[in-house]
C-alpha atoms as a PDB file:
ATOM      1  CA  MET A   1       4.367  12.320  50.895  1.00  0.00           C
ATOM      2  CA  ARG A   2       1.690  10.486  47.754  1.00  0.00           C
ATOM      3  CA  TYR A   3      -0.433   8.575  49.739  1.00  0.00           C
ATOM      4  CA  GLU A   4      -0.661   5.829  47.812  1.00  0.00           C
ATOM      5  CA  LEU A   5       3.598   5.245  48.777  1.00  0.00           C
ATOM      6  CA  MET A   6       2.451   5.583  52.675  1.00  0.00           C
ATOM      7  CA  LEU A   7       2.820   3.448  55.246  1.00  0.00           C
ATOM      8  CA  PRO A   8      -0.350   2.477  58.076  1.00  0.00           C
ATOM      9  CA  HIS A   9       3.217   3.446  60.000  1.00  0.00           C
ATOM     10  CA  GLN A  10       3.082   6.852  58.428  1.00  0.00           C
ATOM     11  CA  ILE A  11      -0.621   7.598  57.729  1.00  0.00           C
ATOM     12  CA  ARG A  12      -1.402   6.936  61.907  1.00  0.00           C
ATOM     13  CA  ARG A  13       1.432   9.800  61.956  1.00  0.00           C
ATOM     14  CA  ALA A  14      -0.103  11.617  59.578  1.00  0.00           C
ATOM     15  CA  ILE A  15      -3.083  12.052  61.016  1.00  0.00           C
ATOM     16  CA  GLU A  16      -1.849  11.946  64.920  1.00  0.00           C
ATOM     17  CA  GLY A  17       0.075  15.688  63.535  1.00  0.00           C
ATOM     18  CA  ASN A  18      -2.524  16.350  62.097  1.00  0.00           C
ATOM     19  CA  TRP A  19      -0.737  16.354  58.228  1.00  0.00           C
ATOM     20  CA  PRO A  20      -2.803  18.334  56.306  1.00  0.00           C
ATOM     21  CA  VAL A  21      -3.860  16.151  53.582  1.00  0.00           C
ATOM     22  CA  THR A  22      -4.729  17.009  50.105  1.00  0.00           C
ATOM     23  CA  LEU A  23      -6.576  16.065  47.224  1.00  0.00           C
ATOM     24  CA  PRO A  24      -5.541  17.840  43.590  1.00  0.00           C
ATOM     25  CA  LEU A  25      -9.292  19.117  41.657  1.00  0.00           C
ATOM     26  CA  GLY A  26      -9.349  19.019  38.598  1.00  0.00           C
ATOM     27  CA  VAL A  27     -10.102  18.728  34.990  1.00  0.00           C
ATOM     28  CA  LEU A  28      -9.318  17.560  32.043  1.00  0.00           C
ATOM     29  CA  GLU A  29     -10.324  20.559  28.871  1.00  0.00           C
ATOM     30  CA  TYR A  30      -8.985  22.459  25.761  1.00  0.00           C
ATOM     31  CA  HIS A  31      -5.451  24.549  26.878  1.00  0.00           C
ATOM     32  CA  GLY A  32      -5.160  26.460  23.095  1.00  0.00           C
ATOM     33  CA  GLU A  33      -3.577  24.274  20.232  1.00  0.00           C
ATOM     34  CA  HIS A  34      -0.636  25.085  22.221  1.00  0.00           C
ATOM     35  CA  MET A  35      -1.124  23.386  26.010  1.00  0.00           C
ATOM     36  CA  ALA A  36      -1.572  20.341  27.534  1.00  0.00           C
ATOM     37  CA  VAL A  37      -5.405  19.359  28.850  1.00  0.00           C
ATOM     38  CA  GLY A  38      -4.577  18.445  32.223  1.00  0.00           C
ATOM     39  CA  MET A  39      -3.441  21.964  32.453  1.00  0.00           C
ATOM     40  CA  ASP A  40      -5.957  22.762  35.156  1.00  0.00           C
ATOM     41  CA  THR A  41      -4.562  19.902  37.342  1.00  0.00           C
ATOM     42  CA  LEU A  42      -1.113  19.717  36.423  1.00  0.00           C
ATOM     43  CA  ALA A  43      -0.855  23.237  38.033  1.00  0.00           C
ATOM     44  CA  VAL A  44      -1.975  22.056  41.493  1.00  0.00           C
ATOM     45  CA  ILE A  45      -0.415  19.015  41.321  1.00  0.00           C
ATOM     46  CA  LYS A  46       3.293  20.373  40.552  1.00  0.00           C
ATOM     47  CA  THR A  47       2.287  23.556  43.445  1.00  0.00           C
ATOM     48  CA  LEU A  48       1.502  20.976  45.836  1.00  0.00           C
ATOM     49  CA  GLU A  49       4.982  18.780  44.940  1.00  0.00           C
ATOM     50  CA  LEU A  50       7.015  21.707  46.079  1.00  0.00           C
ATOM     51  CA  PHE A  51       4.519  23.233  49.050  1.00  0.00           C
ATOM     52  CA  GLU A  52       5.548  19.689  50.731  1.00  0.00           C
ATOM     53  CA  LYS A  53       9.131  20.033  50.520  1.00  0.00           C
ATOM     54  CA  GLU A  54       8.546  22.683  53.244  1.00  0.00           C
ATOM     55  CA  ARG A  55       6.314  21.268  54.665  1.00  0.00           C
ATOM     56  CA  ASP A  56       4.784  17.490  55.906  1.00  0.00           C
ATOM     57  CA  ILE A  57       1.353  16.821  53.644  1.00  0.00           C
ATOM     58  CA  VAL A  58      -0.748  14.424  52.002  1.00  0.00           C
ATOM     59  CA  ILE A  59      -0.690  14.544  48.474  1.00  0.00           C
ATOM     60  CA  LEU A  60      -3.697  12.517  47.330  1.00  0.00           C
ATOM     61  CA  PRO A  61      -3.648  10.789  43.926  1.00  0.00           C
ATOM     62  CA  PRO A  62      -5.622  13.666  41.924  1.00  0.00           C
ATOM     63  CA  PHE A  63      -8.980  13.724  40.519  1.00  0.00           C
ATOM     64  CA  TYR A  64      -9.138  14.699  36.494  1.00  0.00           C
ATOM     65  CA  TYR A  65     -12.535  13.797  35.569  1.00  0.00           C
ATOM     66  CA  GLY A  66     -14.135  17.617  37.220  1.00  0.00           C
ATOM     67  CA  ALA A  67     -17.790  18.862  35.441  1.00  0.00           C
ATOM     68  CA  ALA A  68     -15.107  20.401  32.341  1.00  0.00           C
ATOM     69  CA  SER A  69     -17.976  21.901  30.317  1.00  0.00           C
ATOM     70  CA  TYR A  70     -18.204  22.429  26.906  1.00  0.00           C
ATOM     71  CA  ALA A  71     -18.370  26.019  26.939  1.00  0.00           C
ATOM     72  CA  VAL A  72     -14.571  26.493  24.666  1.00  0.00           C
ATOM     73  CA  ALA A  73     -14.681  23.844  23.133  1.00  0.00           C
ATOM     74  CA  PRO A  74     -17.058  21.048  21.549  1.00  0.00           C
ATOM     75  CA  PRO A  75     -14.919  17.908  22.431  1.00  0.00           C
ATOM     76  CA  GLU A  76     -14.611  16.195  19.397  1.00  0.00           C
ATOM     77  CA  GLY A  77     -11.184  16.176  18.369  1.00  0.00           C
ATOM     78  CA  SER A  78     -10.512  18.945  21.038  1.00  0.00           C
ATOM     79  CA  GLY A  79     -10.328  16.355  24.139  1.00  0.00           C
ATOM     80  CA  SER A  80     -12.685  18.016  26.861  1.00  0.00           C
ATOM     81  CA  VAL A  81     -13.667  15.532  29.066  1.00  0.00           C
ATOM     82  CA  GLN A  82     -16.861  16.341  30.836  1.00  0.00           C
ATOM     83  CA  VAL A  83     -18.758  14.625  33.950  1.00  0.00           C
ATOM     84  CA  GLY A  84     -21.543  16.293  35.857  1.00  0.00           C
ATOM     85  CA  GLY A  85     -22.104  17.923  39.100  1.00  0.00           C
ATOM     86  CA  PRO A  86     -24.595  15.243  39.489  1.00  0.00           C
ATOM     87  CA  VAL A  87     -22.721  12.236  39.255  1.00  0.00           C
ATOM     88  CA  LEU A  88     -19.594  13.998  40.886  1.00  0.00           C
ATOM     89  CA  ALA A  89     -21.273  14.635  44.049  1.00  0.00           C
ATOM     90  CA  PRO A  90     -21.921  11.840  45.250  1.00  0.00           C
ATOM     91  CA  PHE A  91     -18.547   9.997  44.595  1.00  0.00           C
ATOM     92  CA  ALA A  92     -17.242  12.817  46.196  1.00  0.00           C
ATOM     93  CA  GLU A  93     -19.416  12.462  49.460  1.00  0.00           C
ATOM     94  CA  GLU A  94     -18.140   8.633  49.693  1.00  0.00           C
ATOM     95  CA  LEU A  95     -14.344   9.577  49.079  1.00  0.00           C
ATOM     96  CA  PHE A  96     -14.274  12.015  52.204  1.00  0.00           C
ATOM     97  CA  TYR A  97     -16.163   9.952  54.742  1.00  0.00           C
ATOM     98  CA  GLY A  98     -13.775   7.446  53.458  1.00  0.00           C
ATOM     99  CA  PHE A  99     -10.759  10.057  54.138  1.00  0.00           C
ATOM    100  CA  LEU A 100     -12.674  10.483  57.684  1.00  0.00           C
ATOM    101  CA  ARG A 101     -13.077   7.111  58.970  1.00  0.00           C
ATOM    102  CA  ILE A 102      -9.665   6.572  58.198  1.00  0.00           C
ATOM    103  CA  GLY A 103      -9.044  10.077  60.814  1.00  0.00           C
ATOM    104  CA  PHE A 104      -7.756  12.151  58.836  1.00  0.00           C
ATOM    105  CA  ARG A 105      -9.286  15.692  60.369  1.00  0.00           C
ATOM    106  CA  ASN A 106      -7.564  18.065  57.680  1.00  0.00           C
ATOM    107  CA  ILE A 107      -8.316  17.641  53.948  1.00  0.00           C
ATOM    108  CA  HIS A 108      -8.044  19.965  51.364  1.00  0.00           C
ATOM    109  CA  ALA A 109      -9.138  19.931  48.024  1.00  0.00           C
ATOM    110  CA  ILE A 110      -8.271  22.586  45.278  1.00  0.00           C
ATOM    111  CA  ILE A 111      -9.689  23.882  42.553  1.00  0.00           C
ATOM    112  CA  HIS A 112      -7.818  25.621  39.407  1.00  0.00           C
ATOM    113  CA  HIS A 113     -11.000  25.529  37.088  1.00  0.00           C
ATOM    114  CA  GLN A 114     -13.377  28.006  36.612  1.00  0.00           C
ATOM    115  CA  THR A 115     -12.482  29.614  40.112  1.00  0.00           C
ATOM    116  CA  GLU A 116     -13.040  33.189  39.066  1.00  0.00           C
ATOM    117  CA  ASN A 117     -16.327  32.729  40.544  1.00  0.00           C
ATOM    118  CA  PHE A 118     -15.195  30.948  43.136  1.00  0.00           C
ATOM    119  CA  VAL A 119     -17.733  32.397  46.334  1.00  0.00           C
ATOM    120  CA  ALA A 120     -20.857  31.495  43.868  1.00  0.00           C
ATOM    121  CA  GLY A 121     -19.040  27.826  42.820  1.00  0.00           C
ATOM    122  CA  MET A 122     -19.520  26.792  39.955  1.00  0.00           C
ATOM    123  CA  PRO A 123     -20.056  22.910  38.803  1.00  0.00           C
ATOM    124  CA  THR A 124     -17.108  21.010  39.694  1.00  0.00           C
ATOM    125  CA  ASP A 125     -16.295  22.954  42.857  1.00  0.00           C
ATOM    126  CA  LEU A 126     -19.411  23.542  44.275  1.00  0.00           C
ATOM    127  CA  ALA A 127     -19.803  19.161  44.069  1.00  0.00           C
ATOM    128  CA  PHE A 128     -16.840  18.885  46.488  1.00  0.00           C
ATOM    129  CA  LYS A 129     -18.540  21.314  48.758  1.00  0.00           C
ATOM    130  CA  THR A 130     -21.332  20.169  49.792  1.00  0.00           C
ATOM    131  CA  ALA A 131     -19.819  16.671  49.770  1.00  0.00           C
ATOM    132  CA  GLY A 132     -17.643  17.993  51.998  1.00  0.00           C
ATOM    133  CA  ARG A 133     -20.567  18.952  54.070  1.00  0.00           C
ATOM    134  CA  GLN A 134     -22.942  15.615  53.865  1.00  0.00           C
ATOM    135  CA  ALA A 135     -19.900  12.920  54.562  1.00  0.00           C
ATOM    136  CA  ILE A 136     -19.141  15.726  58.195  1.00  0.00           C
ATOM    137  CA  PHE A 137     -22.353  15.228  59.313  1.00  0.00           C
ATOM    138  CA  ARG A 138     -22.832  12.252  57.926  1.00  0.00           C
ATOM    139  CA  PHE A 139     -19.286  11.303  60.103  1.00  0.00           C
ATOM    140  CA  LEU A 140     -20.892  12.185  63.013  1.00  0.00           C
ATOM    141  CA  GLU A 141     -23.729  11.409  63.400  1.00  0.00           C
ATOM    142  CA  LYS A 142     -22.100   7.799  63.083  1.00  0.00           C
ATOM    143  CA  GLU A 143     -19.143   8.896  65.703  1.00  0.00           C
ATOM    144  CA  ARG A 144     -22.124  10.515  68.123  1.00  0.00           C
ATOM    145  CA  GLY A 145     -25.722   9.215  67.111  1.00  0.00           C
ATOM    146  CA  GLU A 146     -29.134  11.411  65.748  1.00  0.00           C
ATOM    147  CA  GLY A 147     -28.230  14.780  68.122  1.00  0.00           C
ATOM    148  CA  TRP A 148     -24.998  14.689  68.622  1.00  0.00           C
ATOM    149  CA  TRP A 149     -25.151  18.965  68.542  1.00  0.00           C
ATOM    150  CA  GLY A 150     -27.401  19.758  70.837  1.00  0.00           C
ATOM    151  CA  SER A 151     -26.568  17.728  73.120  1.00  0.00           C
ATOM    152  CA  ASP A 152     -24.233  18.868  76.750  1.00  0.00           C
ATOM    153  CA  LYS A 153     -21.301  17.617  74.954  1.00  0.00           C
ATOM    154  CA  MET A 154     -21.286  20.365  72.297  1.00  0.00           C
ATOM    155  CA  ALA A 155     -22.634  23.926  74.654  1.00  0.00           C
ATOM    156  CA  ASP A 156     -18.806  25.403  73.988  1.00  0.00           C
ATOM    157  CA  TYR A 157     -19.831  25.367  70.358  1.00  0.00           C
ATOM    158  CA  TYR A 158     -19.540  28.493  69.379  1.00  0.00           C
ATOM    159  CA  ALA A 159     -16.960  29.244  72.043  1.00  0.00           C
ATOM    160  CA  GLY A 160     -15.115  26.711  70.075  1.00  0.00           C
ATOM    161  CA  HIS A 161     -16.018  28.492  66.385  1.00  0.00           C
ATOM    162  CA  ALA A 162     -14.839  32.265  68.554  1.00  0.00           C
ATOM    163  CA  GLN A 163     -11.424  29.931  69.112  1.00  0.00           C
ATOM    164  CA  GLY A 164     -11.166  28.234  65.811  1.00  0.00           C
ATOM    165  CA  GLU A 165     -12.483  25.505  66.079  1.00  0.00           C
ATOM    166  CA  ASN A 166     -15.093  24.113  63.353  1.00  0.00           C
ATOM    167  CA  VAL A 167     -15.677  20.481  63.302  1.00  0.00           C
ATOM    168  CA  PHE A 168     -17.234  21.572  59.428  1.00  0.00           C
ATOM    169  CA  ASN A 169     -13.983  22.512  58.952  1.00  0.00           C
ATOM    170  CA  TRP A 170     -12.690  19.332  58.822  1.00  0.00           C
ATOM    171  CA  VAL A 171     -12.890  19.049  54.569  1.00  0.00           C
ATOM    172  CA  GLN A 172     -12.692  22.326  52.398  1.00  0.00           C
ATOM    173  CA  VAL A 173     -12.606  23.162  49.007  1.00  0.00           C
ATOM    174  CA  HIS A 174     -10.038  25.931  48.268  1.00  0.00           C
ATOM    175  CA  PRO A 175      -9.312  27.683  45.018  1.00  0.00           C
ATOM    176  CA  LEU A 176      -5.176  27.593  43.762  1.00  0.00           C
ATOM    177  CA  MET A 177      -5.071  30.916  42.764  1.00  0.00           C
ATOM    178  CA  PRO A 178      -7.204  32.567  45.564  1.00  0.00           C
ATOM    179  CA  ALA A 179      -9.177  36.288  44.552  1.00  0.00           C
ATOM    180  CA  ALA A 180      -5.694  38.287  46.248  1.00  0.00           C
ATOM    181  CA  MET A 181      -4.029  37.540  43.541  1.00  0.00           C
ATOM    182  CA  SER A 182      -6.763  39.431  41.276  1.00  0.00           C
ATOM    183  CA  GLY A 183      -5.035  42.226  39.770  1.00  0.00           C
ATOM    184  CA  LYS A 184      -1.542  41.347  40.072  1.00  0.00           C
ATOM    185  CA  TYR A 185      -1.099  38.040  38.760  1.00  0.00           C
ATOM    186  CA  PRO A 186      -3.259  37.457  34.929  1.00  0.00           C
ATOM    187  CA  PHE A 187      -5.905  34.923  36.061  1.00  0.00           C
ATOM    188  CA  ASP A 188      -6.866  33.321  32.238  1.00  0.00           C
ATOM    189  CA  HIS A 189      -8.325  30.499  30.243  1.00  0.00           C
ATOM    190  CA  ALA A 190      -4.425  29.017  28.040  1.00  0.00           C
ATOM    191  CA  GLY A 191      -3.230  32.941  27.371  1.00  0.00           C
ATOM    192  CA  ILE A 192      -0.780  34.806  29.206  1.00  0.00           C
ATOM    193  CA  GLY A 193      -1.202  33.721  32.339  1.00  0.00           C
ATOM    194  CA  GLU A 194      -2.392  29.862  32.434  1.00  0.00           C
ATOM    195  CA  THR A 195       0.289  29.919  29.374  1.00  0.00           C
ATOM    196  CA  SER A 196       2.825  31.521  32.209  1.00  0.00           C
ATOM    197  CA  LEU A 197       2.461  28.427  35.395  1.00  0.00           C
ATOM    198  CA  MET A 198       3.220  25.261  32.784  1.00  0.00           C
ATOM    199  CA  LEU A 199       6.225  26.926  31.468  1.00  0.00           C
ATOM    200  CA  ALA A 200       7.389  27.419  35.580  1.00  0.00           C
ATOM    201  CA  LEU A 201       6.050  24.509  36.219  1.00  0.00           C
ATOM    202  CA  CYS A 202       5.195  22.170  33.718  1.00  0.00           C
ATOM    203  CA  PRO A 203       8.099  22.699  30.344  1.00  0.00           C
ATOM    204  CA  GLU A 204       6.756  20.322  29.466  1.00  0.00           C
ATOM    205  CA  ALA A 205       2.966  20.911  28.734  1.00  0.00           C
ATOM    206  CA  VAL A 206       3.571  23.590  26.037  1.00  0.00           C
ATOM    207  CA  ASP A 207       4.773  23.582  22.576  1.00  0.00           C
ATOM    208  CA  ALA A 208       5.337  27.529  21.089  1.00  0.00           C
ATOM    209  CA  GLY A 209       5.254  25.279  18.318  1.00  0.00           C
ATOM    210  CA  HIS A 210       1.505  25.137  17.555  1.00  0.00           C
ATOM    211  CA  PHE A 211       1.222  28.913  18.821  1.00  0.00           C
ATOM    212  CA  ALA A 212       0.031  30.055  15.904  1.00  0.00           C
ATOM    213  CA  ASP A 213      -2.103  27.478  15.901  1.00  0.00           C
ATOM    214  CA  ASN A 214      -4.447  29.108  17.942  1.00  0.00           C
ATOM    215  CA  THR A 215      -7.899  30.871  17.487  1.00  0.00           C
ATOM    216  CA  GLY A 216      -9.063  31.437  20.494  1.00  0.00           C
ATOM    217  CA  TRP A 217      -9.386  34.620  21.813  1.00  0.00           C
ATOM    218  CA  TYR A 218      -8.683  33.806  24.904  1.00  0.00           C
ATOM    219  CA  THR A 219      -5.148  32.125  23.244  1.00  0.00           C
ATOM    220  CA  LYS A 220      -4.515  35.660  21.973  1.00  0.00           C
ATOM    221  CA  GLY A 221      -1.972  36.526  24.557  1.00  0.00           C
ATOM    222  CA  ALA A 222      -0.258  33.249  24.838  1.00  0.00           C
ATOM    223  CA  PRO A 223       3.548  33.724  23.239  1.00  0.00           C
ATOM    224  CA  GLU A 224       3.770  36.665  25.271  1.00  0.00           C
ATOM    225  CA  ALA A 225       4.426  33.585  28.667  1.00  0.00           C
ATOM    226  CA  SER A 226       7.373  33.178  30.063  1.00  0.00           C
ATOM    227  CA  ALA A 227       8.561  31.083  33.033  1.00  0.00           C
ATOM    228  CA  GLU A 228       9.914  34.026  35.106  1.00  0.00           C
ATOM    229  CA  LEU A 229       6.149  34.983  34.675  1.00  0.00           C
ATOM    230  CA  GLY A 230       4.990  31.618  35.816  1.00  0.00           C
ATOM    231  CA  GLN A 231       7.242  32.183  39.179  1.00  0.00           C
ATOM    232  CA  LYS A 232       5.710  35.250  39.890  1.00  0.00           C
ATOM    233  CA  GLY A 233       2.389  33.520  39.940  1.00  0.00           C
ATOM    234  CA  VAL A 234       4.101  30.231  41.667  1.00  0.00           C
ATOM    235  CA  ALA A 235       5.995  32.630  44.789  1.00  0.00           C
ATOM    236  CA  MET A 236       2.082  34.057  45.737  1.00  0.00           C
ATOM    237  CA  ILE A 237       0.005  30.617  45.279  1.00  0.00           C
ATOM    238  CA  LEU A 238       2.917  28.769  47.812  1.00  0.00           C
ATOM    239  CA  GLU A 239       2.028  32.113  49.438  1.00  0.00           C
ATOM    240  CA  HIS A 240      -2.051  31.386  49.902  1.00  0.00           C
ATOM    241  CA  LEU A 241      -1.045  27.365  50.251  1.00  0.00           C
ATOM    242  CA  ARG A 242       1.277  28.327  54.063  1.00  0.00           C
ATOM    243  CA  THR A 243      -2.131  30.550  55.467  1.00  0.00           C
ATOM    244  CA  THR A 244      -4.306  27.792  53.590  1.00  0.00           C
ATOM    245  CA  LEU A 245      -2.971  24.373  54.964  1.00  0.00           C
ATOM    246  CA  SER A 246      -2.320  24.920  58.264  1.00  0.00           C
ATOM    247  CA  ALA A 247      -2.008  21.124  60.276  1.00  0.00           C
END
């Protein structure tokens, strides 16, 4: 369900059922002359909408204003919006803390931008990962007091970990395309892989009439894109979400 359309009784039902609460996390970034600047975020939104058809989840309003960087192109006339990680982190902490206060314990931010380096991290995902941890510590100290972890009530902490119970999993950040997709689907920027995803998920975000206007090396494969290839990528992503977004 879309969070902004939920009524309080529906929110309480989602809390009781421990529904996954998903935040489409992304940027506005130049993706060649043929593709919309919201591609990275649109890919997350559209796949979550497909996933919602098979499982109860909450879809939060998307956050588009991550750290796009100007690595691909300067912003003048290209449309990239850059908001640095140091600014994002405090905002994200307040956001996650607010959702913990509401009662959610199964929160997942999902990002597609710059996730080929996801293990090491890049500015947007690192800001939100740090914010998630900070929000959890802050919430636990508010609810349980300082010294909560050292109290006798937490004596089974490590046993709980072995059984998969971990309070630090209350807020997680995931790549839309996991490392397991490497070599099975093209990972690129505005090339055949991303263009195909958009043709499958959001065809109005692609204009083939502007393929010829591209000059960047990274867009050379875009004319070879197809909705059929994109559907293969979507299928892999949905399988990843089935594993990642569990109640």
